[in-house]
Amino acid sequence: MIDGDMILITGHVILTPEHRERMIALGVEHSARSRAEPGCLAHNCHIDVENPDRLVFVEEWESIDAVHAHFAVPASGAFVAEMRALSPQPPAIRIYAADDITAKLMG
């Protein structure tokens, strides 16, 4: 079932020395903009400490409908297009339907 599940999204993009600062700025702007969207529970970008040329995104969304709305925002498409143009590899993304089982595990 997807409709009632929280949606988790992970992704990454490879940074290049000549575009590193621009790409990081784009990631920070995109995360901040996304956090203001309805249904966004969290949206952050991080530098991978094992590979500092990898910018990692971790997102939490209330529903698949919120994700569809996020992907329909023109700025989201522009973000992906610019990252794709600046990186030597296409951005990677994985989308998961998840249940929060923290209380079951942690008591």
PDB file of N, CA and C in Angstrom:
ATOM      1  N   MET A   1       0.850  -1.184   0.000  1.00  0.00           N
ATOM      2  CA  MET A   1       0.000   0.000   0.000  1.00  0.00           C
ATOM      3  C   MET A   1       0.891   1.242   0.000  1.00  0.00           C
ATOM      4  N   ILE A   2       0.614   2.171  -0.873  1.00  0.00           N
ATOM      5  CA  ILE A   2       1.390   3.405  -0.938  1.00  0.00           C
ATOM      6  C   ILE A   2       0.595   4.575  -0.384  1.00  0.00           C
ATOM      7  N   ASP A   3      -0.686   4.623  -0.614  1.00  0.00           N
ATOM      8  CA  ASP A   3      -1.476   5.803  -0.272  1.00  0.00           C
ATOM      9  C   ASP A   3      -1.357   6.216   1.190  1.00  0.00           C
ATOM     10  N   GLY A   4      -1.302   5.269   2.141  1.00  0.00           N
ATOM     11  CA  GLY A   4      -1.251   5.617   3.545  1.00  0.00           C
ATOM     12  C   GLY A   4       0.153   5.682   4.117  1.00  0.00           C
ATOM     13  N   ASP A   5       1.139   5.341   3.310  1.00  0.00           N
ATOM     14  CA  ASP A   5       2.510   5.295   3.797  1.00  0.00           C
ATOM     15  C   ASP A   5       3.213   6.635   3.654  1.00  0.00           C
ATOM     16  N   MET A   6       4.145   6.871   4.569  1.00  0.00           N
ATOM     17  CA  MET A   6       5.055   7.994   4.403  1.00  0.00           C
ATOM     18  C   MET A   6       5.986   7.612   3.246  1.00  0.00           C
ATOM     19  N   ILE A   7       6.428   8.615   2.500  1.00  0.00           N
ATOM     20  CA  ILE A   7       7.323   8.378   1.382  1.00  0.00           C
ATOM     21  C   ILE A   7       8.711   8.886   1.753  1.00  0.00           C
ATOM     22  N   LEU A   8       9.705   8.037   1.585  1.00  0.00           N
ATOM     23  CA  LEU A   8      11.104   8.398   1.789  1.00  0.00           C
ATOM     24  C   LEU A   8      11.789   8.436   0.432  1.00  0.00           C
ATOM     25  N   ILE A   9      12.567   9.454   0.215  1.00  0.00           N
ATOM     26  CA  ILE A   9      13.314   9.577  -1.037  1.00  0.00           C
ATOM     27  C   ILE A   9      14.782   9.790  -0.675  1.00  0.00           C
ATOM     28  N   THR A  10      15.635   9.022  -1.315  1.00  0.00           N
ATOM     29  CA  THR A  10      17.071   9.241  -1.206  1.00  0.00           C
ATOM     30  C   THR A  10      17.601   9.473  -2.612  1.00  0.00           C
ATOM     31  N   GLY A  11      18.619  10.279  -2.691  1.00  0.00           N
ATOM     32  CA  GLY A  11      19.217  10.538  -3.989  1.00  0.00           C
ATOM     33  C   GLY A  11      20.608  11.100  -3.817  1.00  0.00           C
ATOM     34  N   HIS A  12      21.332  11.138  -4.924  1.00  0.00           N
ATOM     35  CA  HIS A  12      22.648  11.767  -4.880  1.00  0.00           C
ATOM     36  C   HIS A  12      23.046  12.249  -6.266  1.00  0.00           C
ATOM     37  N   VAL A  13      24.007  13.143  -6.248  1.00  0.00           N
ATOM     38  CA  VAL A  13      24.587  13.655  -7.482  1.00  0.00           C
ATOM     39  C   VAL A  13      26.088  13.800  -7.234  1.00  0.00           C
ATOM     40  N   ILE A  14      26.870  13.557  -8.264  1.00  0.00           N
ATOM     41  CA  ILE A  14      28.320  13.672  -8.162  1.00  0.00           C
ATOM     42  C   ILE A  14      28.724  15.112  -8.484  1.00  0.00           C
ATOM     43  N   LEU A  15      29.501  15.686  -7.572  1.00  0.00           N
ATOM     44  CA  LEU A  15      29.992  17.056  -7.737  1.00  0.00           C
ATOM     45  C   LEU A  15      31.260  17.059  -8.590  1.00  0.00           C
ATOM     46  N   THR A  16      31.471  18.149  -9.289  1.00  0.00           N
ATOM     47  CA  THR A  16      32.707  18.327 -10.046  1.00  0.00           C
ATOM     48  C   THR A  16      33.437  19.539  -9.475  1.00  0.00           C
ATOM     49  N   PRO A  17      34.780  19.523  -9.516  1.00  0.00           N
ATOM     50  CA  PRO A  17      35.526  20.648  -8.929  1.00  0.00           C
ATOM     51  C   PRO A  17      35.114  22.008  -9.496  1.00  0.00           C
ATOM     52  N   GLU A  18      34.905  22.081 -10.796  1.00  0.00           N
ATOM     53  CA  GLU A  18      34.587  23.371 -11.410  1.00  0.00           C
ATOM     54  C   GLU A  18      33.173  23.867 -11.097  1.00  0.00           C
ATOM     55  N   HIS A  19      32.275  22.958 -10.702  1.00  0.00           N
ATOM     56  CA  HIS A  19      30.882  23.345 -10.417  1.00  0.00           C
ATOM     57  C   HIS A  19      30.478  23.068  -8.969  1.00  0.00           C
ATOM     58  N   ARG A  20      31.407  22.649  -8.146  1.00  0.00           N
ATOM     59  CA  ARG A  20      31.110  22.211  -6.780  1.00  0.00           C
ATOM     60  C   ARG A  20      30.283  23.230  -5.985  1.00  0.00           C
ATOM     61  N   GLU A  21      30.743  24.453  -5.896  1.00  0.00           N
ATOM     62  CA  GLU A  21      30.036  25.465  -5.092  1.00  0.00           C
ATOM     63  C   GLU A  21      28.647  25.744  -5.645  1.00  0.00           C
ATOM     64  N   ARG A  22      28.522  25.827  -6.961  1.00  0.00           N
ATOM     65  CA  ARG A  22      27.215  26.060  -7.583  1.00  0.00           C
ATOM     66  C   ARG A  22      26.258  24.905  -7.281  1.00  0.00           C
ATOM     67  N   MET A  23      26.752  23.678  -7.387  1.00  0.00           N
ATOM     68  CA  MET A  23      25.909  22.504  -7.160  1.00  0.00           C
ATOM     69  C   MET A  23      25.461  22.414  -5.703  1.00  0.00           C
ATOM     70  N   ILE A  24      26.363  22.720  -4.782  1.00  0.00           N
ATOM     71  CA  ILE A  24      25.980  22.712  -3.370  1.00  0.00           C
ATOM     72  C   ILE A  24      24.935  23.796  -3.108  1.00  0.00           C
ATOM     73  N   ALA A  25      25.138  24.968  -3.660  1.00  0.00           N
ATOM     74  CA  ALA A  25      24.156  26.054  -3.497  1.00  0.00           C
ATOM     75  C   ALA A  25      22.800  25.648  -4.074  1.00  0.00           C
ATOM     76  N   LEU A  26      22.803  25.010  -5.223  1.00  0.00           N
ATOM     77  CA  LEU A  26      21.550  24.527  -5.815  1.00  0.00           C
ATOM     78  C   LEU A  26      20.860  23.528  -4.890  1.00  0.00           C
ATOM     79  N   GLY A  27      21.636  22.613  -4.311  1.00  0.00           N
ATOM     80  CA  GLY A  27      21.067  21.619  -3.412  1.00  0.00           C
ATOM     81  C   GLY A  27      20.447  22.244  -2.176  1.00  0.00           C
ATOM     82  N   VAL A  28      21.142  23.205  -1.586  1.00  0.00           N
ATOM     83  CA  VAL A  28      20.624  23.890  -0.403  1.00  0.00           C
ATOM     84  C   VAL A  28      19.350  24.669  -0.745  1.00  0.00           C
ATOM     85  N   GLU A  29      19.366  25.376  -1.864  1.00  0.00           N
ATOM     86  CA  GLU A  29      18.167  26.130  -2.295  1.00  0.00           C
ATOM     87  C   GLU A  29      16.995  25.191  -2.542  1.00  0.00           C
ATOM     88  N   HIS A  30      17.262  24.082  -3.223  1.00  0.00           N
ATOM     89  CA  HIS A  30      16.196  23.130  -3.540  1.00  0.00           C
ATOM     90  C   HIS A  30      15.605  22.534  -2.259  1.00  0.00           C
ATOM     91  N   SER A  31      16.462  22.167  -1.312  1.00  0.00           N
ATOM     92  CA  SER A  31      15.963  21.600  -0.051  1.00  0.00           C
ATOM     93  C   SER A  31      15.128  22.623   0.710  1.00  0.00           C
ATOM     94  N   ALA A  32      15.597  23.851   0.808  1.00  0.00           N
ATOM     95  CA  ALA A  32      14.843  24.891   1.522  1.00  0.00           C
ATOM     96  C   ALA A  32      13.497  25.147   0.856  1.00  0.00           C
ATOM     97  N   ARG A  33      13.489  25.234  -0.458  1.00  0.00           N
ATOM     98  CA  ARG A  33      12.239  25.463  -1.201  1.00  0.00           C
ATOM     99  C   ARG A  33      11.281  24.289  -0.990  1.00  0.00           C
ATOM    100  N   SER A  34      11.812  23.080  -1.055  1.00  0.00           N
ATOM    101  CA  SER A  34      10.978  21.890  -0.914  1.00  0.00           C
ATOM    102  C   SER A  34      10.366  21.788   0.473  1.00  0.00           C
ATOM    103  N   ARG A  35      11.115  22.173   1.524  1.00  0.00           N
ATOM    104  CA  ARG A  35      10.575  22.109   2.890  1.00  0.00           C
ATOM    105  C   ARG A  35       9.358  23.005   3.069  1.00  0.00           C
ATOM    106  N   ALA A  36       9.207  24.006   2.226  1.00  0.00           N
ATOM    107  CA  ALA A  36       8.057  24.909   2.315  1.00  0.00           C
ATOM    108  C   ALA A  36       6.820  24.352   1.595  1.00  0.00           C
ATOM    109  N   GLU A  37       6.980  23.245   0.885  1.00  0.00           N
ATOM    110  CA  GLU A  37       5.859  22.673   0.127  1.00  0.00           C
ATOM    111  C   GLU A  37       4.937  21.869   1.043  1.00  0.00           C
ATOM    112  N   PRO A  38       3.633  21.871   0.732  1.00  0.00           N
ATOM    113  CA  PRO A  38       2.693  21.061   1.514  1.00  0.00           C
ATOM    114  C   PRO A  38       3.093  19.587   1.472  1.00  0.00           C
ATOM    115  N   GLY A  39       3.066  18.950   2.629  1.00  0.00           N
ATOM    116  CA  GLY A  39       3.341  17.520   2.703  1.00  0.00           C
ATOM    117  C   GLY A  39       4.800  17.158   2.875  1.00  0.00           C
ATOM    118  N   CYS A  40       5.695  18.139   2.853  1.00  0.00           N
ATOM    119  CA  CYS A  40       7.114  17.858   3.060  1.00  0.00           C
ATOM    120  C   CYS A  40       7.393  17.823   4.559  1.00  0.00           C
ATOM    121  N   LEU A  41       7.864  16.688   5.035  1.00  0.00           N
ATOM    122  CA  LEU A  41       8.200  16.526   6.449  1.00  0.00           C
ATOM    123  C   LEU A  41       9.677  16.836   6.701  1.00  0.00           C
ATOM    124  N   ALA A  42      10.517  16.560   5.715  1.00  0.00           N
ATOM    125  CA  ALA A  42      11.957  16.840   5.813  1.00  0.00           C
ATOM    126  C   ALA A  42      12.548  16.787   4.413  1.00  0.00           C
ATOM    127  N   HIS A  43      13.541  17.621   4.185  1.00  0.00           N
ATOM    128  CA  HIS A  43      14.248  17.631   2.893  1.00  0.00           C
ATOM    129  C   HIS A  43      15.608  18.267   3.143  1.00  0.00           C
ATOM    130  N   ASN A  44      16.665  17.459   3.080  1.00  0.00           N
ATOM    131  CA  ASN A  44      17.994  17.954   3.388  1.00  0.00           C
ATOM    132  C   ASN A  44      19.019  17.409   2.410  1.00  0.00           C
ATOM    133  N   CYS A  45      20.086  18.179   2.224  1.00  0.00           N
ATOM    134  CA  CYS A  45      21.208  17.696   1.426  1.00  0.00           C
ATOM    135  C   CYS A  45      22.446  17.667   2.308  1.00  0.00           C
ATOM    136  N   HIS A  46      23.303  16.697   2.032  1.00  0.00           N
ATOM    137  CA  HIS A  46      24.480  16.440   2.856  1.00  0.00           C
ATOM    138  C   HIS A  46      25.656  16.090   1.948  1.00  0.00           C
ATOM    139  N   ILE A  47      26.851  16.423   2.397  1.00  0.00           N
ATOM    140  CA  ILE A  47      28.060  15.942   1.733  1.00  0.00           C
ATOM    141  C   ILE A  47      28.364  14.562   2.311  1.00  0.00           C
ATOM    142  N   ASP A  48      28.582  13.595   1.452  1.00  0.00           N
ATOM    143  CA  ASP A  48      28.933  12.239   1.868  1.00  0.00           C
ATOM    144  C   ASP A  48      30.336  12.264   2.480  1.00  0.00           C
ATOM    145  N   VAL A  49      30.467  11.906   3.751  1.00  0.00           N
ATOM    146  CA  VAL A  49      31.775  11.980   4.414  1.00  0.00           C
ATOM    147  C   VAL A  49      32.754  10.923   3.897  1.00  0.00           C
ATOM    148  N   GLU A  50      32.249   9.892   3.248  1.00  0.00           N
ATOM    149  CA  GLU A  50      33.130   8.885   2.662  1.00  0.00           C
ATOM    150  C   GLU A  50      33.518   9.225   1.228  1.00  0.00           C
ATOM    151  N   ASN A  51      32.729  10.073   0.596  1.00  0.00           N
ATOM    152  CA  ASN A  51      33.021  10.529  -0.762  1.00  0.00           C
ATOM    153  C   ASN A  51      32.590  11.990  -0.853  1.00  0.00           C
ATOM    154  N   PRO A  52      33.494  12.932  -0.560  1.00  0.00           N
ATOM    155  CA  PRO A  52      33.121  14.351  -0.517  1.00  0.00           C
ATOM    156  C   PRO A  52      32.704  14.942  -1.865  1.00  0.00           C
ATOM    157  N   ASP A  53      32.789  14.160  -2.925  1.00  0.00           N
ATOM    158  CA  ASP A  53      32.296  14.603  -4.229  1.00  0.00           C
ATOM    159  C   ASP A  53      30.878  14.108  -4.497  1.00  0.00           C
ATOM    160  N   ARG A  54      30.209  13.636  -3.458  1.00  0.00           N
ATOM    161  CA  ARG A  54      28.843  13.113  -3.584  1.00  0.00           C
ATOM    162  C   ARG A  54      27.926  13.935  -2.691  1.00  0.00           C
ATOM    163  N   LEU A  55      26.953  14.604  -3.303  1.00  0.00           N
ATOM    164  CA  LEU A  55      25.941  15.366  -2.584  1.00  0.00           C
ATOM    165  C   LEU A  55      24.719  14.469  -2.443  1.00  0.00           C
ATOM    166  N   VAL A  56      24.298  14.220  -1.196  1.00  0.00           N
ATOM    167  CA  VAL A  56      23.237  13.261  -0.899  1.00  0.00           C
ATOM    168  C   VAL A  56      21.980  13.998  -0.427  1.00  0.00           C
ATOM    169  N   PHE A  57      20.842  13.534  -0.893  1.00  0.00           N
ATOM    170  CA  PHE A  57      19.551  14.104  -0.507  1.00  0.00           C
ATOM    171  C   PHE A  57      18.744  13.056   0.248  1.00  0.00           C
ATOM    172  N   VAL A  58      18.114  13.484   1.350  1.00  0.00           N
ATOM    173  CA  VAL A  58      17.224  12.632   2.129  1.00  0.00           C
ATOM    174  C   VAL A  58      15.942  13.420   2.341  1.00  0.00           C
ATOM    175  N   GLU A  59      14.832  12.810   1.930  1.00  0.00           N
ATOM    176  CA  GLU A  59      13.540  13.497   1.992  1.00  0.00           C
ATOM    177  C   GLU A  59      12.497  12.612   2.664  1.00  0.00           C
ATOM    178  N   GLU A  60      11.562  13.241   3.368  1.00  0.00           N
ATOM    179  CA  GLU A  60      10.396  12.561   3.937  1.00  0.00           C
ATOM    180  C   GLU A  60       9.154  13.337   3.515  1.00  0.00           C
ATOM    181  N   TRP A  61       8.176  12.615   3.009  1.00  0.00           N
ATOM    182  CA  TRP A  61       6.931  13.219   2.528  1.00  0.00           C
ATOM    183  C   TRP A  61       5.743  12.516   3.158  1.00  0.00           C
ATOM    184  N   GLU A  62       4.681  13.276   3.400  1.00  0.00           N
ATOM    185  CA  GLU A  62       3.470  12.728   4.020  1.00  0.00           C
ATOM    186  C   GLU A  62       2.784  11.683   3.150  1.00  0.00           C
ATOM    187  N   SER A  63       2.845  11.864   1.821  1.00  0.00           N
ATOM    188  CA  SER A  63       2.081  10.986   0.933  1.00  0.00           C
ATOM    189  C   SER A  63       2.656  11.005  -0.478  1.00  0.00           C
ATOM    190  N   ILE A  64       2.222  10.045  -1.248  1.00  0.00           N
ATOM    191  CA  ILE A  64       2.629   9.995  -2.656  1.00  0.00           C
ATOM    192  C   ILE A  64       2.049  11.189  -3.413  1.00  0.00           C
ATOM    193  N   ASP A  65       0.877  11.670  -3.010  1.00  0.00           N
ATOM    194  CA  ASP A  65       0.295  12.847  -3.657  1.00  0.00           C
ATOM    195  C   ASP A  65       1.185  14.070  -3.457  1.00  0.00           C
ATOM    196  N   ALA A  66       1.755  14.209  -2.258  1.00  0.00           N
ATOM    197  CA  ALA A  66       2.671  15.328  -1.997  1.00  0.00           C
ATOM    198  C   ALA A  66       3.919  15.220  -2.876  1.00  0.00           C
ATOM    199  N   VAL A  67       4.396  13.993  -3.080  1.00  0.00           N
ATOM    200  CA  VAL A  67       5.570  13.781  -3.949  1.00  0.00           C
ATOM    201  C   VAL A  67       5.230  14.141  -5.389  1.00  0.00           C
ATOM    202  N   HIS A  68       4.071  13.694  -5.855  1.00  0.00           N
ATOM    203  CA  HIS A  68       3.653  14.051  -7.231  1.00  0.00           C
ATOM    204  C   HIS A  68       3.580  15.569  -7.390  1.00  0.00           C
ATOM    205  N   ALA A  69       3.026  16.255  -6.395  1.00  0.00           N
ATOM    206  CA  ALA A  69       2.935  17.716  -6.458  1.00  0.00           C
ATOM    207  C   ALA A  69       4.333  18.333  -6.463  1.00  0.00           C
ATOM    208  N   HIS A  70       5.245  17.794  -5.661  1.00  0.00           N
ATOM    209  CA  HIS A  70       6.633  18.279  -5.618  1.00  0.00           C
ATOM    210  C   HIS A  70       7.299  18.132  -6.982  1.00  0.00           C
ATOM    211  N   PHE A  71       7.141  16.977  -7.600  1.00  0.00           N
ATOM    212  CA  PHE A  71       7.761  16.746  -8.906  1.00  0.00           C
ATOM    213  C   PHE A  71       7.163  17.636  -9.992  1.00  0.00           C
ATOM    214  N   ALA A  72       5.923  18.111  -9.775  1.00  0.00           N
ATOM    215  CA  ALA A  72       5.262  18.976 -10.763  1.00  0.00           C
ATOM    216  C   ALA A  72       5.661  20.444 -10.636  1.00  0.00           C
ATOM    217  N   VAL A  73       6.335  20.805  -9.551  1.00  0.00           N
ATOM    218  CA  VAL A  73       6.777  22.188  -9.361  1.00  0.00           C
ATOM    219  C   VAL A  73       7.855  22.494 -10.408  1.00  0.00           C
ATOM    220  N   PRO A  74       7.678  23.536 -11.213  1.00  0.00           N
ATOM    221  CA  PRO A  74       8.677  23.839 -12.249  1.00  0.00           C
ATOM    222  C   PRO A  74      10.102  23.984 -11.714  1.00  0.00           C
ATOM    223  N   ALA A  75      10.257  24.545 -10.526  1.00  0.00           N
ATOM    224  CA  ALA A  75      11.594  24.705  -9.952  1.00  0.00           C
ATOM    225  C   ALA A  75      12.252  23.359  -9.663  1.00  0.00           C
ATOM    226  N   SER A  76      11.463  22.340  -9.348  1.00  0.00           N
ATOM    227  CA  SER A  76      12.027  21.008  -9.120  1.00  0.00           C
ATOM    228  C   SER A  76      12.602  20.438 -10.410  1.00  0.00           C
ATOM    229  N   GLY A  77      11.860  20.589 -11.490  1.00  0.00           N
ATOM    230  CA  GLY A  77      12.356  20.129 -12.791  1.00  0.00           C
ATOM    231  C   GLY A  77      13.592  20.889 -13.234  1.00  0.00           C
ATOM    232  N   ALA A  78      13.609  22.193 -12.993  1.00  0.00           N
ATOM    233  CA  ALA A  78      14.766  23.017 -13.362  1.00  0.00           C
ATOM    234  C   ALA A  78      15.986  22.618 -12.544  1.00  0.00           C
ATOM    235  N   PHE A  79      15.781  22.297 -11.255  1.00  0.00           N
ATOM    236  CA  PHE A  79      16.862  21.846 -10.391  1.00  0.00           C
ATOM    237  C   PHE A  79      17.497  20.572 -10.944  1.00  0.00           C
ATOM    238  N   VAL A  80      16.677  19.585 -11.263  1.00  0.00           N
ATOM    239  CA  VAL A  80      17.191  18.313 -11.787  1.00  0.00           C
ATOM    240  C   VAL A  80      17.917  18.532 -13.112  1.00  0.00           C
ATOM    241  N   ALA A  81      17.344  19.351 -13.983  1.00  0.00           N
ATOM    242  CA  ALA A  81      17.974  19.607 -15.281  1.00  0.00           C
ATOM    243  C   ALA A  81      19.345  20.266 -15.122  1.00  0.00           C
ATOM    244  N   GLU A  82      19.445  21.236 -14.208  1.00  0.00           N
ATOM    245  CA  GLU A  82      20.736  21.905 -14.028  1.00  0.00           C
ATOM    246  C   GLU A  82      21.752  20.967 -13.394  1.00  0.00           C
ATOM    247  N   MET A  83      21.329  20.190 -12.405  1.00  0.00           N
ATOM    248  CA  MET A  83      22.250  19.224 -11.791  1.00  0.00           C
ATOM    249  C   MET A  83      22.737  18.217 -12.836  1.00  0.00           C
ATOM    250  N   ARG A  84      21.831  17.758 -13.667  1.00  0.00           N
ATOM    251  CA  ARG A  84      22.189  16.806 -14.723  1.00  0.00           C
ATOM    252  C   ARG A  84      23.232  17.409 -15.658  1.00  0.00           C
ATOM    253  N   ALA A  85      23.082  18.683 -15.973  1.00  0.00           N
ATOM    254  CA  ALA A  85      24.016  19.356 -16.886  1.00  0.00           C
ATOM    255  C   ALA A  85      25.385  19.580 -16.247  1.00  0.00           C
ATOM    256  N   LEU A  86      25.439  19.755 -14.928  1.00  0.00           N
ATOM    257  CA  LEU A  86      26.694  20.070 -14.250  1.00  0.00           C
ATOM    258  C   LEU A  86      27.476  18.836 -13.788  1.00  0.00           C
ATOM    259  N   SER A  87      26.788  17.700 -13.641  1.00  0.00           N
ATOM    260  CA  SER A  87      27.415  16.502 -13.100  1.00  0.00           C
ATOM    261  C   SER A  87      27.912  15.575 -14.210  1.00  0.00           C
ATOM    262  N   PRO A  88      28.977  14.833 -13.942  1.00  0.00           N
ATOM    263  CA  PRO A  88      29.455  13.874 -14.937  1.00  0.00           C
ATOM    264  C   PRO A  88      28.565  12.628 -15.032  1.00  0.00           C
ATOM    265  N   GLN A  89      27.670  12.447 -14.060  1.00  0.00           N
ATOM    266  CA  GLN A  89      26.752  11.311 -14.045  1.00  0.00           C
ATOM    267  C   GLN A  89      25.336  11.816 -13.788  1.00  0.00           C
ATOM    268  N   PRO A  90      24.325  11.130 -14.297  1.00  0.00           N
ATOM    269  CA  PRO A  90      22.953  11.540 -13.987  1.00  0.00           C
ATOM    270  C   PRO A  90      22.677  11.424 -12.490  1.00  0.00           C
ATOM    271  N   PRO A  91      21.861  12.314 -11.944  1.00  0.00           N
ATOM    272  CA  PRO A  91      21.476  12.177 -10.535  1.00  0.00           C
ATOM    273  C   PRO A  91      20.782  10.829 -10.312  1.00  0.00           C
ATOM    274  N   ALA A  92      20.973  10.262  -9.130  1.00  0.00           N
ATOM    275  CA  ALA A  92      20.329   8.996  -8.769  1.00  0.00           C
ATOM    276  C   ALA A  92      19.217   9.288  -7.779  1.00  0.00           C
ATOM    277  N   ILE A  93      18.124   8.521  -7.857  1.00  0.00           N
ATOM    278  CA  ILE A  93      17.002   8.707  -6.933  1.00  0.00           C
ATOM    279  C   ILE A  93      16.374   7.350  -6.641  1.00  0.00           C
ATOM    280  N   ARG A  94      15.968   7.167  -5.385  1.00  0.00           N
ATOM    281  CA  ARG A  94      15.214   5.985  -4.957  1.00  0.00           C
ATOM    282  C   ARG A  94      14.034   6.494  -4.136  1.00  0.00           C
ATOM    283  N   ILE A  95      12.858   5.915  -4.368  1.00  0.00           N
ATOM    284  CA  ILE A  95      11.642   6.338  -3.682  1.00  0.00           C
ATOM    285  C   ILE A  95      11.043   5.120  -2.982  1.00  0.00           C
ATOM    286  N   TYR A  96      10.754   5.282  -1.685  1.00  0.00           N
ATOM    287  CA  TYR A  96      10.266   4.182  -0.861  1.00  0.00           C
ATOM    288  C   TYR A  96       8.961   4.562  -0.165  1.00  0.00           C
ATOM    289  N   ALA A  97       8.050   3.616  -0.062  1.00  0.00           N
ATOM    290  CA  ALA A  97       6.877   3.752   0.801  1.00  0.00           C
ATOM    291  C   ALA A  97       7.272   3.130   2.133  1.00  0.00           C
ATOM    292  N   ALA A  98       7.037   3.821   3.241  1.00  0.00           N
ATOM    293  CA  ALA A  98       7.548   3.358   4.526  1.00  0.00           C
ATOM    294  C   ALA A  98       6.541   3.548   5.645  1.00  0.00           C
ATOM    295  N   ASP A  99       6.665   2.710   6.639  1.00  0.00           N
ATOM    296  CA  ASP A  99       5.931   2.857   7.892  1.00  0.00           C
ATOM    297  C   ASP A  99       6.928   3.252   8.958  1.00  0.00           C
ATOM    298  N   ASP A 100       6.556   4.193   9.815  1.00  0.00           N
ATOM    299  CA  ASP A 100       7.414   4.587  10.932  1.00  0.00           C
ATOM    300  C   ASP A 100       7.211   3.573  12.054  1.00  0.00           C
ATOM    301  N   ILE A 101       8.235   2.771  12.318  1.00  0.00           N
ATOM    302  CA  ILE A 101       8.138   1.751  13.358  1.00  0.00           C
ATOM    303  C   ILE A 101       9.023   2.092  14.563  1.00  0.00           C
ATOM    304  N   THR A 102       9.364   3.363  14.696  1.00  0.00           N
ATOM    305  CA  THR A 102      10.218   3.793  15.802  1.00  0.00           C
ATOM    306  C   THR A 102       9.651   3.353  17.159  1.00  0.00           C
ATOM    307  N   ALA A 103       8.384   3.635  17.397  1.00  0.00           N
ATOM    308  CA  ALA A 103       7.773   3.303  18.698  1.00  0.00           C
ATOM    309  C   ALA A 103       7.806   1.808  18.962  1.00  0.00           C
ATOM    310  N   LYS A 104       7.626   0.992  17.941  1.00  0.00           N
ATOM    311  CA  LYS A 104       7.665  -0.474  18.118  1.00  0.00           C
ATOM    312  C   LYS A 104       9.053  -0.942  18.513  1.00  0.00           C
ATOM    313  N   LEU A 105      10.069  -0.316  17.944  1.00  0.00           N
ATOM    314  CA  LEU A 105      11.442  -0.739  18.233  1.00  0.00           C
ATOM    315  C   LEU A 105      12.031  -0.118  19.480  1.00  0.00           C
ATOM    316  N   MET A 106      11.636   1.121  19.744  1.00  0.00           N
ATOM    317  CA  MET A 106      12.255   1.867  20.828  1.00  0.00           C
ATOM    318  C   MET A 106      11.414   1.889  22.112  1.00  0.00           C
ATOM    319  N   GLY A 107      10.202   1.365  22.012  1.00  0.00           N
ATOM    320  CA  GLY A 107       9.350   1.309  23.204  1.00  0.00           C
ATOM    321  C   GLY A 107       8.650   2.516  23.466  1.00  0.00           C
TER     322      GLY A 107
END
